[in-house]
Amino acid sequence: MSASVNLDWLALLLHGFYEENTGSHPPHSEVNDFDLDAHWDMERSTPSLDSLARLLIHQDRKQIVSIGLILPDITSTSQGPAEFLVAQNGGVSARVTEQLKSIIALLTEARALYVQDYDAGQRPILLSERTPLIAKLKELALSLHRHCWEKERRQVMKDSRCYRFHCLVEDVLGASADSRVDLSLEERTALQALQDAPPSHHAVLKEVRDVMYFIKALLSKGPEERHGFIPESRDAIAAETLMTPVRILAKITSATETLKPLWRLCDTYIEAIFARKQAERSKVPTASQPSTGTQGTGELPVIHKPFTIELWLWKICSIDRDYSEIVWMAVTRPSPFEHMEPQVSTLSVETRREECSICEAEVMSTLKLAGWNENRNGDLKKCTERFTTGFKAQLQSLCGHVESSDDSKYNCPMTLHCECVVLAELHRQRTKDRAVAPYVGVSKSSICAPCHLYFDCYGEVTGSAVRTLATHGTHDTHGQIWLWGTPTLFNKSDKPGQVDKKVKKLLVDKLKHRLFTEATSVCARQRASQSIIVSGVASVVRVREELHWNELLLQADEYWAAKVAKSAARVAMREEMAAATRVQAEAEADATAAESGGDCGV
């Protein structure tokens, strides 16, 4: 049964349910997953391909590169160089290819100088020395900083973080928290905790502030305006202009366990500032609030979200850290750079478009294959009706209809992800005499769920686990799910398509399991939402009934009040008439008495 299910359709449907279900997933955050020590230990156990992949990234965002390594072909009868495979989502750019070739050439030269001058590790490498090896390593560092300049600048400048950190340090070293009447209670509490930190922590804050100020000043200039900072000429001494403060920052922040309490206190204060500004903003009329991430004429200033100080500083030092890692891998130990300069092969990342028919019947059929049971999991028809409507709208924005007259068929992009492309090429080139590094370097910290599942399936079928940093030692990932295309595996030594068929069959089962999980969650949320709506309608009815009854009571009160008022008016009128009659009678009596008295007096 599993063989009859189209893998690309399963992945597409899984993406749709994941997007529909996004609100119920724990937020995917580098902050939550960040563990510096664990990351470093794993990275040291790999061929440092992750560092190499990250050093090829030069854009500020949305650039993903994967690296594979085919080991040198060294036998008694032949000798061939190692081969680096590189793939990039969207296609490998010429700039990335040239940078990889430049890095490999410099590392090869550095390895030869190390073997020649340092007696295979008999003495340490000191950057203060003026030797051909140190000059070559500084040339490499200069090349890396030039290539990654825009990425470094974004890491420093993003969301005004450098300025916000500067203000934080000024607050810590400034007036006492108790005297800051401009701050909220939460801000004063967080600031007081920072001010009570030991003097050594205050010294660290001042050092980091000063180093960051210098780094920001260097990075604020464009490549053509840097002049002596990072000149076009590969002057080894000038390279230290940026390398030195970054290396100082890396050294300051390297004591991770000692400084973690300090960074947590900083994060708490930043969060308190954000909460107070948000509360103040909520009191401002919506019409005057900024609608975008930039401040326009007459708009209020943008409120930047909180950030994690430790992770921010760790990212700023990433170029220096990755540089140290590839030097350690390539220069100071036997490596692929030992005998001859490795080759570089670029791999194309295919994006094919497939016509997909989206209808409730197809969705229901697939969910039943995935294990849906209406007795246990609820009404499938109601769930798919609502999901299919939203899924069509999602696909329309992504790819559009095949024909304008048919709203059920879509041209869906099925993109092969670069890490899977590298894995497929490693499989193709693996032979009895040619080994491959069982690792795929990836420039990002995690891979999507379908890629993770594919790597797992490949390992189960072949018995040779090829891993990535994102899959090494992790299971049941909650990775994000993007549009995904299924790779094809081929190797001359395989029976025709056997490995590919087995991997895909196993992948079908894993994707169905994940699809069932996502769909169950979506439908549960739909039922909960419907219950809330029904409950809300009942509440509205009750409120309306109460209002109607109150209105009747009010009308009754008004009726009886009017009746009482009329009765009182009649009583008052009768009393007034009686009083007037009495007055008139008394007046007539007085007049009669006066007439009688006058006659007697004469």
Protein backbone atom coordinates (compact mmCIF):
# COMPACT_ATOMS: atom_id res chain seq x y z
CA MET A 1 0.00 0.00 0.00
CA SER A 2 2.81 2.40 0.89
CA ALA A 3 4.39 2.00 -2.54
CA SER A 4 1.28 3.42 -4.18
CA VAL A 5 1.55 6.72 -2.35
CA ASN A 6 3.33 9.53 -4.18
CA LEU A 7 6.12 10.85 -1.95
CA ASP A 8 5.99 14.39 -3.32
CA TRP A 9 2.22 14.49 -2.69
CA LEU A 10 2.74 13.26 0.88
CA ALA A 11 5.38 15.93 1.50
CA LEU A 12 3.14 18.62 -0.03
CA LEU A 13 0.16 17.61 2.10
CA LEU A 14 2.35 17.43 5.19
CA HIS A 15 3.54 20.98 4.47
CA GLY A 16 -0.07 22.13 4.23
CA PHE A 17 -1.11 20.58 7.55
CA TYR A 18 2.05 21.92 9.20
CA GLU A 19 1.24 25.46 8.05
CA GLU A 20 -2.36 25.07 9.23
CA ASN A 21 -1.08 23.75 12.55
CA THR A 22 1.74 26.25 13.08
CA GLY A 23 0.12 27.90 16.07
CA SER A 24 0.22 24.70 18.13
CA HIS A 25 3.91 23.96 17.57
CA PRO A 26 6.43 25.12 20.15
CA PRO A 27 8.09 28.18 18.58
CA HIS A 28 11.19 27.19 16.64
CA SER A 29 13.87 29.42 18.10
CA GLU A 30 17.62 29.32 18.03
CA VAL A 31 17.49 30.78 21.52
CA ASN A 32 15.55 27.81 22.92
CA ASP A 33 17.74 25.23 21.14
CA PHE A 34 21.02 27.02 21.81
CA ASP A 35 23.59 25.07 23.82
CA LEU A 36 27.07 26.37 23.17
CA ASP A 37 28.95 23.52 24.83
CA ALA A 38 26.93 20.75 23.16
CA HIS A 39 27.21 22.50 19.79
CA TRP A 40 30.98 22.81 20.13
CA ASP A 41 31.47 19.16 21.15
CA MET A 42 29.49 17.89 18.16
CA GLU A 43 31.26 20.24 15.82
CA ARG A 44 34.69 19.07 16.99
CA SER A 45 33.67 15.48 16.20
CA THR A 46 32.90 16.25 12.55
CA PRO A 47 35.21 17.05 9.60
CA SER A 48 34.40 20.73 10.23
CA LEU A 49 32.26 20.82 7.13
CA ASP A 50 29.63 22.88 8.94
CA SER A 51 32.18 25.63 9.56
CA LEU A 52 33.21 25.56 5.93
CA ALA A 53 29.57 25.79 4.79
CA ARG A 54 28.89 28.74 7.11
CA LEU A 55 31.95 30.58 5.85
CA LEU A 56 30.49 30.52 2.33
CA ILE A 57 27.42 32.48 3.44
CA HIS A 58 27.70 36.14 2.53
CA GLN A 59 24.10 37.32 2.28
CA ASP A 60 22.26 38.60 5.29
CA ARG A 61 19.54 35.93 5.14
CA LYS A 62 17.89 33.05 3.25
CA GLN A 63 21.08 31.53 1.89
CA ILE A 64 21.65 27.82 2.64
CA VAL A 65 24.77 25.94 1.56
CA SER A 66 25.70 22.27 2.02
CA ILE A 67 29.15 20.69 1.76
CA GLY A 68 30.20 17.07 1.22
CA LEU A 69 33.65 15.52 1.04
CA ILE A 70 34.93 12.62 -1.05
CA LEU A 71 38.21 11.48 0.48
CA PRO A 72 41.46 11.28 -1.53
CA ASP A 73 41.87 8.28 -3.78
CA ILE A 74 45.20 6.96 -2.55
CA THR A 75 46.03 3.36 -3.44
CA SER A 76 49.12 1.46 -4.49
CA THR A 77 48.19 1.93 -8.13
CA SER A 78 46.61 5.38 -8.25
CA GLN A 79 46.47 8.68 -6.45
CA GLY A 80 43.78 11.33 -6.76
CA PRO A 81 42.81 14.47 -4.86
CA ALA A 82 39.97 14.85 -2.44
CA GLU A 83 36.80 16.40 -3.83
CA PHE A 84 34.53 18.91 -2.10
CA LEU A 85 30.89 18.90 -3.18
CA VAL A 86 28.91 22.10 -2.76
CA ALA A 87 25.19 22.70 -3.26
CA GLN A 88 23.09 25.75 -2.54
CA ASN A 89 19.35 26.23 -2.44
CA GLY A 90 18.55 28.26 -5.52
CA GLY A 91 21.78 27.21 -7.24
CA VAL A 92 25.46 27.68 -6.37
CA SER A 93 26.51 31.23 -7.20
CA ALA A 94 29.83 32.00 -8.85
CA ARG A 95 30.84 33.99 -5.78
CA VAL A 96 30.34 30.97 -3.50
CA THR A 97 32.27 28.69 -5.86
CA GLU A 98 35.21 31.08 -6.12
CA GLN A 99 35.29 31.60 -2.36
CA LEU A 100 35.37 27.85 -1.70
CA LYS A 101 38.20 27.40 -4.19
CA SER A 102 40.11 30.28 -2.56
CA ILE A 103 39.68 28.81 0.93
CA ILE A 104 40.84 25.36 -0.24
CA ALA A 105 43.89 26.79 -2.02
CA LEU A 106 44.95 28.79 1.06
CA LEU A 107 44.39 25.82 3.38
CA THR A 108 46.46 23.57 1.10
CA GLU A 109 49.34 26.05 1.12
CA ALA A 110 49.03 26.48 4.89
CA ARG A 111 49.13 22.72 5.44
CA ALA A 112 52.34 22.43 3.40
CA LEU A 113 53.95 25.28 5.37
CA TYR A 114 52.90 23.72 8.65
CA VAL A 115 54.43 20.35 7.77
CA GLN A 116 57.59 22.11 6.55
CA ASP A 117 58.15 24.56 9.42
CA TYR A 118 56.49 23.08 12.51
CA ASP A 119 57.74 19.49 12.51
CA ALA A 120 54.22 17.99 12.47
CA GLY A 121 53.04 19.64 15.67
CA GLN A 122 56.22 19.68 17.75
CA ARG A 123 55.60 23.34 18.68
CA PRO A 124 52.45 25.50 18.87
CA ILE A 125 51.39 28.07 16.30
CA LEU A 126 51.71 31.61 17.66
CA LEU A 127 49.89 34.32 15.73
CA SER A 128 52.39 36.88 17.00
CA GLU A 129 55.15 35.21 14.97
CA ARG A 130 56.09 36.52 11.55
CA THR A 131 56.43 33.32 9.58
CA PRO A 132 55.19 32.28 6.13
CA LEU A 133 52.51 30.11 7.82
CA ILE A 134 51.18 32.98 9.94
CA ALA A 135 51.12 35.26 6.89
CA LYS A 136 49.13 32.61 5.00
CA LEU A 137 46.66 32.18 7.86
CA LYS A 138 46.14 35.93 8.10
CA GLU A 139 45.56 36.02 4.36
CA LEU A 140 42.87 33.39 4.85
CA ALA A 141 41.26 35.36 7.69
CA LEU A 142 41.25 38.49 5.54
CA SER A 143 39.55 36.59 2.72
CA LEU A 144 36.86 35.28 5.08
CA HIS A 145 36.05 38.68 6.57
CA ARG A 146 35.85 40.26 3.13
CA HIS A 147 33.47 37.58 1.87
CA CYS A 148 31.26 37.60 4.99
CA TRP A 149 31.25 41.38 5.53
CA GLU A 150 27.53 41.91 4.94
CA LYS A 151 26.61 38.96 7.14
CA GLU A 152 28.81 40.28 9.96
CA ARG A 153 27.36 43.75 9.61
CA ARG A 154 23.81 42.45 9.88
CA GLN A 155 24.65 40.39 12.96
CA VAL A 156 25.99 43.48 14.70
CA MET A 157 23.47 46.08 13.49
CA LYS A 158 20.24 44.05 13.51
CA ASP A 159 17.39 45.64 15.52
CA SER A 160 19.76 48.28 16.93
CA ARG A 161 21.18 45.62 19.24
CA CYS A 162 24.58 47.24 19.56
CA TYR A 163 23.01 50.54 20.66
CA ARG A 164 20.59 48.77 23.02
CA PHE A 165 23.46 46.86 24.63
CA HIS A 166 25.38 50.13 25.04
CA CYS A 167 22.36 51.68 26.79
CA LEU A 168 22.05 48.62 29.03
CA VAL A 169 25.66 48.95 30.18
CA GLU A 170 25.20 52.67 30.80
CA ASP A 171 22.15 51.91 32.95
CA VAL A 172 24.05 49.29 34.96
CA LEU A 173 26.96 51.65 35.61
CA GLY A 174 24.76 54.72 36.08
CA ALA A 175 22.24 55.92 38.66
CA SER A 176 20.90 53.42 41.19
CA ALA A 177 17.82 51.50 40.15
CA ASP A 178 15.79 52.90 43.07
CA SER A 179 16.24 56.45 41.75
CA ARG A 180 15.07 55.61 38.21
CA VAL A 181 11.47 56.81 38.44
CA ASP A 182 11.25 56.62 34.64
CA LEU A 183 11.40 52.82 34.79
CA SER A 184 8.70 50.32 35.62
CA LEU A 185 8.86 48.20 38.77
CA GLU A 186 10.00 45.18 36.71
CA GLU A 187 12.76 47.25 35.07
CA ARG A 188 14.00 48.57 38.41
CA THR A 189 14.05 45.04 39.85
CA ALA A 190 16.01 43.67 36.87
CA LEU A 191 18.39 46.63 36.85
CA GLN A 192 19.01 46.29 40.58
CA ALA A 193 19.98 42.65 40.08
CA LEU A 194 22.50 43.72 37.42
CA GLN A 195 23.89 46.48 39.62
CA ASP A 196 24.30 43.97 42.46
CA ALA A 197 26.37 41.65 40.21
CA PRO A 198 30.05 41.22 41.18
CA PRO A 199 32.59 43.82 39.96
CA SER A 200 34.12 41.22 37.63
CA HIS A 201 30.82 41.04 35.73
CA HIS A 202 30.67 44.83 35.47
CA ALA A 203 34.20 44.76 34.05
CA VAL A 204 33.08 42.23 31.41
CA LEU A 205 30.14 44.45 30.43
CA LYS A 206 32.46 47.42 29.98
CA GLU A 207 34.95 45.39 27.93
CA VAL A 208 32.26 43.99 25.65
CA ARG A 209 30.71 47.45 25.22
CA ASP A 210 34.05 48.98 24.19
CA VAL A 211 34.94 46.15 21.79
CA MET A 212 31.47 46.22 20.23
CA TYR A 213 31.75 49.97 19.71
CA PHE A 214 34.95 49.43 17.71
CA ILE A 215 33.51 46.52 15.70
CA LYS A 216 30.42 48.57 14.86
CA ALA A 217 32.57 51.49 13.69
CA LEU A 218 34.48 49.18 11.35
CA LEU A 219 31.41 47.45 9.94
CA SER A 220 29.36 50.63 9.48
CA LYS A 221 31.35 51.51 6.37
CA GLY A 222 30.67 49.96 2.98
CA PRO A 223 33.28 47.74 1.27
CA GLU A 224 34.47 50.63 -0.91
CA GLU A 225 34.76 52.97 2.10
CA ARG A 226 36.83 50.77 4.40
CA HIS A 227 40.18 52.13 3.22
CA GLY A 228 42.78 50.87 5.68
CA PHE A 229 40.42 48.59 7.56
CA ILE A 230 40.11 45.77 5.00
CA PRO A 231 42.03 46.92 1.92
CA GLU A 232 41.87 45.31 -1.48
CA SER A 233 45.53 44.40 -1.15
CA ARG A 234 45.96 41.32 1.00
CA ASP A 235 48.08 43.03 3.65
CA ALA A 236 48.40 40.53 6.51
CA ILE A 237 48.85 43.22 9.17
CA ALA A 238 45.82 45.25 8.02
CA ALA A 239 43.66 42.15 8.31
CA GLU A 240 44.08 42.32 12.07
CA THR A 241 42.15 45.60 12.16
CA LEU A 242 38.89 43.68 12.26
CA MET A 243 40.25 40.31 13.33
CA THR A 244 41.69 41.60 16.59
CA PRO A 245 38.53 43.03 18.22
CA VAL A 246 36.50 40.00 17.11
CA ARG A 247 39.10 37.67 18.59
CA ILE A 248 39.13 39.71 21.81
CA LEU A 249 35.35 39.47 22.00
CA ALA A 250 35.52 35.70 21.46
CA LYS A 251 38.06 35.39 24.28
CA ILE A 252 36.00 37.54 26.67
CA THR A 253 32.83 35.55 26.07
CA SER A 254 34.48 32.11 26.00
CA ALA A 255 33.88 31.53 29.73
CA THR A 256 30.32 30.48 29.02
CA GLU A 257 29.41 28.85 32.33
CA THR A 258 30.86 31.71 34.39
CA LEU A 259 29.04 34.38 32.40
CA LYS A 260 25.68 32.65 31.86
CA PRO A 261 24.15 34.24 35.03
CA LEU A 262 25.23 37.68 33.81
CA TRP A 263 23.72 37.20 30.34
CA ARG A 264 20.45 35.94 31.85
CA LEU A 265 20.21 39.08 34.00
CA CYS A 266 20.80 41.19 30.89
CA ASP A 267 18.07 39.30 29.02
CA THR A 268 15.63 39.85 31.90
CA TYR A 269 16.28 43.60 31.85
CA ILE A 270 15.84 43.76 28.06
CA GLU A 271 12.53 41.88 28.34
CA ALA A 272 11.34 44.28 31.07
CA ILE A 273 12.15 47.28 28.86
CA PHE A 274 10.23 45.71 25.99
CA ALA A 275 7.21 44.97 28.21
CA ARG A 276 7.06 48.56 29.47
CA LYS A 277 7.31 50.02 25.95
CA GLN A 278 4.63 47.64 24.70
CA ALA A 279 2.33 48.67 27.56
CA GLU A 280 2.90 52.34 26.74
CA ARG A 281 2.26 51.70 23.05
CA SER A 282 -1.02 49.90 23.77
CA LYS A 283 -2.39 53.17 25.14
CA VAL A 284 -1.70 54.98 21.86
CA PRO A 285 -4.49 55.01 19.22
CA THR A 286 -3.95 52.31 16.60
CA ALA A 287 -4.08 54.75 13.68
CA SER A 288 -0.89 56.48 14.84
CA GLN A 289 1.13 53.29 15.35
CA PRO A 290 3.72 52.17 12.76
CA SER A 291 2.40 49.53 10.39
CA THR A 292 5.83 48.31 9.25
CA GLY A 293 9.23 47.61 10.72
CA THR A 294 10.49 51.04 9.73
CA GLN A 295 9.67 54.41 11.12
CA GLY A 296 7.95 56.77 8.73
CA THR A 297 7.03 60.42 8.90
CA GLY A 298 4.80 61.07 11.87
CA GLU A 299 4.96 57.46 13.04
CA LEU A 300 5.92 56.25 16.47
CA PRO A 301 9.36 54.65 16.92
CA VAL A 302 9.65 50.93 16.27
CA ILE A 303 9.78 48.74 19.38
CA HIS A 304 12.39 46.05 18.78
CA LYS A 305 11.81 42.60 20.23
CA PRO A 306 13.97 41.22 23.04
CA PHE A 307 17.09 39.26 22.12
CA THR A 308 19.46 36.88 23.90
CA ILE A 309 22.80 38.53 24.63
CA GLU A 310 24.80 35.29 24.75
CA LEU A 311 23.52 34.06 21.40
CA TRP A 312 24.01 37.49 19.81
CA LEU A 313 27.67 37.66 20.89
CA TRP A 314 28.19 34.03 19.89
CA LYS A 315 26.99 34.79 16.35
CA ILE A 316 29.22 37.86 16.06
CA CYS A 317 32.23 35.68 16.86
CA SER A 318 31.15 32.93 14.46
CA ILE A 319 33.57 33.93 11.66
CA ASP A 320 36.55 33.75 14.01
CA ARG A 321 35.34 30.48 15.52
CA ASP A 322 34.72 28.83 12.14
CA TYR A 323 38.07 30.10 10.89
CA SER A 324 39.81 28.44 13.85
CA GLU A 325 37.88 25.24 13.20
CA ILE A 326 38.85 24.84 9.54
CA VAL A 327 42.47 25.72 10.33
CA TRP A 328 42.49 23.05 13.05
CA MET A 329 40.95 20.54 10.64
CA ALA A 330 43.06 21.27 7.57
CA VAL A 331 46.41 22.45 8.88
CA THR A 332 47.30 20.87 12.22
CA ARG A 333 46.36 17.24 11.51
CA PRO A 334 46.44 14.83 8.56
CA SER A 335 43.67 15.93 6.27
CA PRO A 336 42.32 15.93 2.71
CA PHE A 337 44.82 18.74 2.03
CA GLU A 338 47.82 16.51 2.71
CA HIS A 339 48.93 15.37 -0.74
CA MET A 340 47.42 17.68 -3.35
CA GLU A 341 44.91 20.49 -3.60
CA PRO A 342 41.33 19.14 -3.48
CA GLN A 343 38.92 19.69 -6.33
CA VAL A 344 35.58 21.52 -6.10
CA SER A 345 32.40 20.24 -7.75
CA THR A 346 29.19 22.25 -7.77
CA LEU A 347 25.89 20.38 -7.70
CA SER A 348 22.68 21.67 -9.24
CA VAL A 349 19.61 21.87 -7.02
CA GLU A 350 16.62 20.92 -9.12
CA THR A 351 13.21 22.52 -8.75
CA ARG A 352 10.54 20.77 -10.77
CA ARG A 353 6.89 21.70 -11.02
CA GLU A 354 4.23 19.05 -10.76
CA GLU A 355 0.52 19.33 -11.45
CA CYS A 356 -1.30 18.55 -8.21
CA SER A 357 -5.04 18.06 -7.91
CA ILE A 358 -6.30 19.34 -4.58
CA CYS A 359 -9.72 18.08 -3.54
CA GLU A 360 -11.36 16.77 -0.39
CA ALA A 361 -11.51 13.22 -1.74
CA GLU A 362 -7.72 13.10 -2.33
CA VAL A 363 -6.98 14.53 1.12
CA MET A 364 -9.40 12.12 2.83
CA SER A 365 -7.98 9.14 0.94
CA THR A 366 -4.41 10.01 1.92
CA LEU A 367 -5.30 10.54 5.57
CA LYS A 368 -7.00 7.15 5.67
CA LEU A 369 -3.81 5.59 4.28
CA ALA A 370 -1.92 7.42 7.02
CA GLY A 371 -4.03 5.62 9.64
CA TRP A 372 -7.04 7.87 10.23
CA ASN A 373 -9.85 6.10 12.09
CA GLU A 374 -13.11 8.03 12.41
CA ASN A 375 -14.11 6.13 15.54
CA ARG A 376 -10.93 7.22 17.30
CA ASN A 377 -9.95 10.42 15.51
CA GLY A 378 -13.27 12.07 14.70
CA ASP A 379 -15.22 13.14 11.62
CA LEU A 380 -12.73 13.19 8.75
CA LYS A 381 -15.07 14.95 6.29
CA LYS A 382 -15.56 18.00 8.50
CA CYS A 383 -11.83 18.25 9.09
CA THR A 384 -10.85 17.99 5.42
CA GLU A 385 -13.51 20.44 4.24
CA ARG A 386 -12.09 23.24 6.31
CA PHE A 387 -8.46 22.27 5.69
CA THR A 388 -8.82 21.96 1.90
CA THR A 389 -10.25 25.47 1.60
CA GLY A 390 -7.27 26.97 3.43
CA PHE A 391 -4.79 24.72 1.62
CA LYS A 392 -6.02 25.90 -1.79
CA ALA A 393 -5.60 29.53 -0.75
CA GLN A 394 -2.07 28.74 0.44
CA LEU A 395 -1.13 27.02 -2.83
CA GLN A 396 -2.65 29.81 -4.90
CA SER A 397 -0.26 32.28 -3.29
CA LEU A 398 2.69 29.91 -3.76
CA CYS A 399 2.28 28.57 -7.29
CA GLY A 400 -1.04 29.44 -8.95
CA HIS A 401 -3.50 27.34 -10.91
CA VAL A 402 -2.69 25.21 -13.92
CA GLU A 403 -5.70 26.73 -15.69
CA SER A 404 -7.63 29.78 -14.57
CA SER A 405 -10.89 27.91 -15.10
CA ASP A 406 -9.90 25.06 -12.75
CA ASP A 407 -9.43 25.97 -9.09
CA SER A 408 -8.42 22.44 -8.02
CA LYS A 409 -5.17 21.96 -10.01
CA TYR A 410 -1.94 23.70 -9.08
CA ASN A 411 1.62 23.93 -10.44
CA CYS A 412 3.42 22.96 -7.23
CA PRO A 413 7.20 23.54 -6.91
CA MET A 414 9.00 20.42 -5.68
CA THR A 415 12.44 21.61 -4.60
CA LEU A 416 15.30 19.27 -3.81
CA HIS A 417 16.98 20.59 -0.67
CA CYS A 418 20.73 21.08 -0.95
CA GLU A 419 21.66 18.71 1.91
CA CYS A 420 19.75 15.88 0.21
CA VAL A 421 21.42 16.68 -3.12
CA VAL A 422 24.84 16.31 -1.48
CA LEU A 423 23.79 13.04 0.17
CA ALA A 424 22.65 11.64 -3.19
CA GLU A 425 25.98 12.58 -4.82
CA LEU A 426 27.96 11.01 -1.97
CA HIS A 427 25.97 7.82 -2.51
CA ARG A 428 26.59 7.92 -6.28
CA GLN A 429 30.35 8.28 -5.92
CA ARG A 430 30.88 5.87 -3.04
CA THR A 431 32.74 2.76 -4.22
CA LYS A 432 34.78 -0.03 -2.68
CA ASP A 433 37.97 1.96 -3.36
CA ARG A 434 36.64 5.49 -2.83
CA ALA A 435 35.49 6.51 0.64
CA VAL A 436 33.35 9.50 1.52
CA ALA A 437 33.15 11.47 4.75
CA PRO A 438 29.95 10.23 6.47
CA TYR A 439 28.80 13.77 7.10
CA VAL A 440 27.08 16.59 5.23
CA GLY A 441 27.99 20.09 6.36
CA VAL A 442 25.09 22.55 6.46
CA SER A 443 25.26 26.29 7.00
CA LYS A 444 22.13 26.41 9.16
CA SER A 445 21.63 25.09 12.68
CA SER A 446 18.76 22.73 11.83
CA ILE A 447 17.28 20.98 8.81
CA CYS A 448 13.62 20.58 7.93
CA ALA A 449 11.66 17.52 9.08
CA PRO A 450 11.47 15.75 5.67
CA CYS A 451 15.25 16.10 5.22
CA HIS A 452 15.78 14.72 8.71
CA LEU A 453 13.53 11.75 7.96
CA TYR A 454 15.30 11.14 4.64
CA PHE A 455 18.72 10.98 6.30
CA ASP A 456 17.31 8.57 8.89
CA CYS A 457 15.86 6.32 6.17
CA TYR A 458 19.12 6.32 4.23
CA GLY A 459 21.03 5.25 7.33
CA GLU A 460 18.56 2.45 8.12
CA VAL A 461 18.65 1.07 4.58
CA THR A 462 22.38 1.32 3.86
CA GLY A 463 23.72 0.76 7.37
CA SER A 464 26.11 3.69 6.83
CA ALA A 465 24.69 6.70 8.62
CA VAL A 466 25.55 9.93 6.86
CA ARG A 467 24.64 12.69 9.26
CA THR A 468 24.41 16.43 9.60
CA LEU A 469 24.91 18.60 12.66
CA ALA A 470 21.13 18.92 12.88
CA THR A 471 20.56 15.13 12.93
CA HIS A 472 23.60 14.02 14.93
CA GLY A 473 22.28 12.50 18.15
CA THR A 474 18.73 13.86 17.78
CA HIS A 475 15.44 12.08 17.20
CA ASP A 476 11.76 12.97 16.80
CA THR A 477 12.63 16.44 15.60
CA HIS A 478 9.99 19.14 15.48
CA GLY A 479 11.81 20.77 12.57
CA GLN A 480 10.00 23.07 10.24
CA ILE A 481 8.39 21.67 7.09
CA TRP A 482 8.98 23.38 3.76
CA LEU A 483 7.99 22.48 0.22
CA TRP A 484 10.15 19.45 -0.48
CA GLY A 485 11.05 17.24 -3.42
CA THR A 486 12.18 13.62 -3.20
CA PRO A 487 15.80 12.88 -4.26
CA THR A 488 16.77 9.87 -6.37
CA LEU A 489 19.64 7.59 -5.37
CA PHE A 490 21.86 5.82 -7.87
CA ASN A 491 25.10 3.87 -7.62
CA LYS A 492 26.64 1.51 -10.18
CA SER A 493 27.28 -1.16 -7.57
CA ASP A 494 23.61 -1.24 -6.48
CA LYS A 495 21.12 -3.57 -8.00
CA PRO A 496 18.96 -1.40 -10.28
CA GLY A 497 17.29 1.11 -8.00
CA GLN A 498 17.16 -1.17 -4.95
CA VAL A 499 18.53 1.31 -2.40
CA ASP A 500 16.40 4.11 -3.80
CA LYS A 501 13.24 1.96 -3.64
CA LYS A 502 13.91 0.82 -0.08
CA VAL A 503 14.65 4.34 1.14
CA LYS A 504 11.50 5.72 -0.48
CA LYS A 505 9.34 2.90 0.89
CA LEU A 506 10.60 3.56 4.40
CA LEU A 507 10.21 7.31 3.90
CA VAL A 508 6.54 6.85 2.94
CA ASP A 509 5.87 5.21 6.30
CA LYS A 510 7.67 7.95 8.23
CA LEU A 511 5.94 10.75 6.31
CA LYS A 512 2.54 9.11 6.83
CA HIS A 513 3.21 8.93 10.56
CA ARG A 514 4.17 12.60 10.67
CA LEU A 515 1.19 13.52 8.48
CA PHE A 516 -1.17 11.66 10.81
CA THR A 517 0.27 13.56 13.79
CA GLU A 518 -0.12 16.96 12.13
CA ALA A 519 -3.63 16.22 10.82
CA THR A 520 -4.82 14.94 14.20
CA SER A 521 -3.60 18.13 15.85
CA VAL A 522 -5.24 20.34 13.21
CA CYS A 523 -8.61 18.62 13.54
CA ALA A 524 -8.45 18.72 17.34
CA ARG A 525 -7.86 22.46 17.14
CA GLN A 526 -10.77 22.84 14.72
CA ARG A 527 -13.10 21.01 17.13
CA ALA A 528 -11.89 23.09 20.05
CA SER A 529 -12.42 26.25 18.02
CA GLN A 530 -15.93 25.12 17.07
CA SER A 531 -16.73 24.37 20.73
CA ILE A 532 -15.62 27.84 21.67
CA ILE A 533 -17.85 29.31 18.96
CA VAL A 534 -20.87 27.26 20.10
CA SER A 535 -20.20 28.16 23.71
CA GLY A 536 -19.85 31.76 22.68
CA VAL A 537 -23.17 31.69 20.81
CA ALA A 538 -24.90 30.18 23.86
CA SER A 539 -23.40 32.87 26.03
CA VAL A 540 -24.63 35.54 23.64
CA VAL A 541 -28.13 34.02 23.73
CA ARG A 542 -28.09 34.02 27.52
CA VAL A 543 -26.90 37.59 27.61
CA ARG A 544 -29.58 38.61 25.13
CA GLU A 545 -32.24 36.85 27.23
CA GLU A 546 -31.02 38.63 30.34
CA LEU A 547 -31.01 41.94 28.52
CA HIS A 548 -34.54 41.30 27.24
CA TRP A 549 -35.79 40.45 30.75
CA ASN A 550 -34.08 43.50 32.18
CA GLU A 551 -35.71 45.58 29.49
CA LEU A 552 -39.15 44.20 30.43
CA LEU A 553 -38.49 44.93 34.08
CA LEU A 554 -37.41 48.42 33.19
CA GLN A 555 -40.54 48.93 31.12
CA ALA A 556 -42.66 47.68 34.06
CA ASP A 557 -40.89 50.01 36.42
CA GLU A 558 -41.48 52.89 34.06
CA TYR A 559 -45.17 51.91 33.73
CA TRP A 560 -45.78 51.78 37.48
CA ALA A 561 -43.78 54.91 38.04
CA ALA A 562 -45.98 56.69 35.54
CA LYS A 563 -49.09 55.28 37.24
CA VAL A 564 -47.89 56.47 40.65
CA ALA A 565 -46.99 59.85 39.25
CA LYS A 566 -50.44 60.26 37.71
CA SER A 567 -52.11 59.19 40.96
CA ALA A 568 -50.00 61.58 42.95
CA ALA A 569 -50.85 64.36 40.54
CA ARG A 570 -54.56 63.70 40.94
CA VAL A 571 -54.23 63.67 44.74
CA ALA A 572 -52.29 66.89 44.64
CA MET A 573 -54.88 68.46 42.39
CA ARG A 574 -57.70 67.43 44.73
CA GLU A 575 -55.78 68.79 47.70
CA GLU A 576 -55.18 72.06 45.88
CA MET A 577 -58.87 72.35 45.00
CA ALA A 578 -59.91 71.59 48.59
CA ALA A 579 -57.46 74.14 49.91
CA ALA A 580 -58.74 76.75 47.49
CA THR A 581 -62.32 76.00 48.59
CA ARG A 582 -61.36 76.40 52.24
CA VAL A 583 -59.63 79.69 51.55
CA GLN A 584 -62.62 81.00 49.66
CA ALA A 585 -65.01 79.92 52.45
CA GLU A 586 -62.86 81.54 55.09
CA ALA A 587 -62.68 84.75 53.08
CA GLU A 588 -66.45 84.86 52.68
CA ALA A 589 -66.91 84.24 56.43
CA ASP A 590 -64.50 87.04 57.29
CA ALA A 591 -66.34 89.42 54.98
CA THR A 592 -69.72 88.61 56.56
CA ALA A 593 -68.32 89.10 60.04
CA ALA A 594 -66.87 92.44 59.08
CA GLU A 595 -70.17 93.69 57.74
CA SER A 596 -71.99 92.67 60.93
CA GLY A 597 -69.42 94.34 63.19
CA GLY A 598 -69.64 97.69 61.31
CA ASP A 599 -73.36 98.15 61.82
CA CYS A 600 -73.02 97.74 65.59
CA GLY A 601 -70.40 100.46 65.85
CA VAL A 602 -72.64 103.18 64.36
